[in-house]
Amino acid sequence: MLMQAGNKKMCNTLRKLPGVSSPKELLTAAVKLSMRKAKAARARFEAAARAAEKGTPMESILDTCKEGYDSTVSALQEVQRCIDANDSKASLITKMSAATTFTGDCGNAYEERELEPSLALKATKNNVNRVVTGALAIAAKLKL
């Protein structure tokens, strides 16, 4: 399996971080980056939900996004526990896959209502998807 260009760039950037000298540390860096991005996305969507008109489809979508990013963070915390416990690669991939599924909840909510996020929220959503998918690609490629 070849890594996509964006995943290669992310991987190469993470490799240059201080303290990243092993595959395990590379994956940990990718998971931590993904958690930071998911937490930031949750905060952005939460703020947007507070500003949305109550009882509207947009409020519902934004709440779904907020909950999806909460679930993403929880799944990534499980991934980190797997890494720390030297769990099986299969378990690690299963938990990373769950995190990627949760990042898709936000996009699915918009698609189901046939609405588009603002450009800022779309960029946030895409950024989280990119880093979490990149972390999954790293996990899949590494021999732990």
Protein backbone atom coordinates (compact mmCIF):
# COMPACT_ATOMS: atom_id res chain seq x y z
CA MET A 1 0.00 0.00 0.00
CA LEU A 2 1.42 3.35 -1.02
CA MET A 3 0.93 6.37 1.21
CA GLN A 4 -0.82 9.32 -0.37
CA ALA A 5 1.26 12.46 -0.83
CA GLY A 6 -0.45 14.25 2.08
CA ASN A 7 0.20 11.30 4.37
CA LYS A 8 3.86 11.22 3.33
CA LYS A 9 4.18 14.93 4.07
CA MET A 10 2.56 14.50 7.48
CA CYS A 11 4.77 11.51 8.24
CA ASN A 12 7.93 13.35 7.22
CA THR A 13 6.94 16.38 9.29
CA LEU A 14 6.25 14.25 12.37
CA ARG A 15 9.56 12.39 11.97
CA LYS A 16 11.40 15.69 12.41
CA LEU A 17 9.82 16.43 15.78
CA PRO A 18 12.06 16.17 18.85
CA GLY A 19 11.74 12.80 20.53
CA VAL A 20 10.41 11.00 17.44
CA SER A 21 13.02 8.36 16.73
CA SER A 22 11.04 5.11 16.54
CA PRO A 23 7.90 3.88 14.76
CA LYS A 24 6.03 3.86 18.07
CA GLU A 25 6.99 7.49 18.75
CA LEU A 26 5.97 8.45 15.20
CA LEU A 27 2.54 6.92 15.68
CA THR A 28 2.20 8.55 19.09
CA ALA A 29 3.02 11.94 17.55
CA ALA A 30 0.39 11.35 14.84
CA VAL A 31 -2.22 10.37 17.42
CA LYS A 32 -1.44 13.41 19.60
CA LEU A 33 -1.69 15.71 16.57
CA SER A 34 -5.00 14.10 15.66
CA MET A 35 -6.32 14.57 19.20
CA ARG A 36 -5.34 18.25 19.22
CA LYS A 37 -7.07 18.81 15.88
CA ALA A 38 -10.21 16.92 16.95
CA LYS A 39 -10.43 18.85 20.23
CA ALA A 40 -10.04 22.14 18.37
CA ALA A 41 -12.72 21.09 15.87
CA ARG A 42 -15.07 20.17 18.69
CA ALA A 43 -14.62 23.62 20.22
CA ARG A 44 -15.25 25.35 16.87
CA PHE A 45 -18.38 23.35 16.16
CA GLU A 46 -19.61 23.84 19.72
CA ALA A 47 -19.23 27.62 19.35
CA ALA A 48 -21.06 27.49 16.03
CA ALA A 49 -23.85 25.40 17.59
CA ARG A 50 -24.28 27.96 20.37
CA ALA A 51 -24.60 30.70 17.74
CA ALA A 52 -27.01 28.74 15.53
CA GLU A 53 -30.70 29.39 15.59
CA LYS A 54 -32.30 26.95 18.04
CA GLY A 55 -34.35 24.09 16.64
CA THR A 56 -32.95 24.37 13.13
CA PRO A 57 -31.37 21.66 10.99
CA MET A 58 -28.06 23.54 11.25
CA GLU A 59 -28.11 23.37 15.04
CA SER A 60 -28.68 19.61 14.79
CA ILE A 61 -25.82 19.21 12.30
CA LEU A 62 -23.44 21.21 14.46
CA ASP A 63 -24.38 19.15 17.52
CA THR A 64 -23.70 15.97 15.53
CA CYS A 65 -20.29 17.33 14.54
CA LYS A 66 -19.48 18.24 18.13
CA GLU A 67 -20.45 14.75 19.33
CA GLY A 68 -18.52 13.13 16.48
CA TYR A 69 -15.34 14.95 17.46
CA ASP A 70 -15.88 13.98 21.12
CA SER A 71 -16.07 10.35 19.97
CA THR A 72 -12.99 10.85 17.80
CA VAL A 73 -11.00 12.07 20.80
CA SER A 74 -12.19 9.12 22.90
CA ALA A 75 -11.22 6.66 20.17
CA LEU A 76 -7.79 8.28 19.84
CA GLN A 77 -7.29 8.02 23.59
CA GLU A 78 -8.01 4.28 23.21
CA VAL A 79 -5.45 4.15 20.41
CA GLN A 80 -2.85 5.76 22.65
CA ARG A 81 -3.60 3.21 25.39
CA CYS A 82 -3.05 0.44 22.81
CA ILE A 83 0.28 1.95 21.82
CA ASP A 84 1.37 2.32 25.45
CA ALA A 85 0.34 -1.27 26.24
CA ASN A 86 2.04 -2.68 23.13
CA ASP A 87 -1.33 -4.09 22.11
CA SER A 88 -1.75 -6.05 18.88
CA LYS A 89 -1.61 -4.26 15.56
CA ALA A 90 -5.11 -5.57 14.77
CA SER A 91 -6.50 -3.92 17.91
CA LEU A 92 -4.67 -0.71 17.12
CA ILE A 93 -5.98 -0.60 13.54
CA THR A 94 -9.53 -1.35 14.74
CA LYS A 95 -9.44 1.57 17.18
CA MET A 96 -7.84 3.90 14.60
CA SER A 97 -10.51 2.91 12.10
CA ALA A 98 -13.17 3.82 14.65
CA ALA A 99 -11.58 7.26 15.02
CA THR A 100 -11.73 7.79 11.25
CA THR A 101 -15.37 6.71 11.21
CA PHE A 102 -16.25 9.26 13.91
CA THR A 103 -14.53 12.05 11.95
CA GLY A 104 -16.88 11.25 9.07
CA ASP A 105 -19.98 11.80 11.21
CA CYS A 106 -19.78 15.54 10.67
CA GLY A 107 -19.63 15.35 6.89
CA ASN A 108 -22.42 12.79 6.88
CA ALA A 109 -24.65 15.11 8.93
CA TYR A 110 -24.21 17.88 6.36
CA GLU A 111 -24.78 15.51 3.44
CA GLU A 112 -27.96 14.04 4.95
CA ARG A 113 -29.48 17.53 5.18
CA GLU A 114 -28.02 18.56 1.80
CA LEU A 115 -26.32 21.57 3.40
CA GLU A 116 -22.77 22.86 3.25
CA PRO A 117 -20.63 24.00 6.17
CA SER A 118 -19.14 27.48 6.15
CA LEU A 119 -15.70 27.62 4.55
CA ALA A 120 -14.04 27.86 7.97
CA LEU A 121 -15.92 24.86 9.36
CA LYS A 122 -15.36 22.91 6.13
CA ALA A 123 -11.61 23.56 6.41
CA THR A 124 -11.67 22.44 10.05
CA LYS A 125 -13.61 19.27 9.17
CA ASN A 126 -11.27 18.44 6.29
CA ASN A 127 -8.17 19.07 8.40
CA VAL A 128 -9.30 16.67 11.12
CA ASN A 129 -10.19 14.04 8.52
CA ARG A 130 -6.76 14.44 6.92
CA VAL A 131 -4.71 14.04 10.10
CA VAL A 132 -6.75 11.16 11.51
CA THR A 133 -6.65 9.33 8.18
CA GLY A 134 -2.92 10.04 8.05
CA ALA A 135 -2.47 8.54 11.53
CA LEU A 136 -4.37 5.44 10.38
CA ALA A 137 -2.09 5.17 7.34
CA ILE A 138 0.97 5.43 9.58
CA ALA A 139 -0.43 2.76 11.91
CA ALA A 140 -1.12 0.46 8.97
CA LYS A 141 2.38 0.86 7.53
CA LEU A 142 4.40 0.55 10.72
CA LYS A 143 5.73 -2.64 12.13
CA LEU A 144 5.23 -2.25 15.86
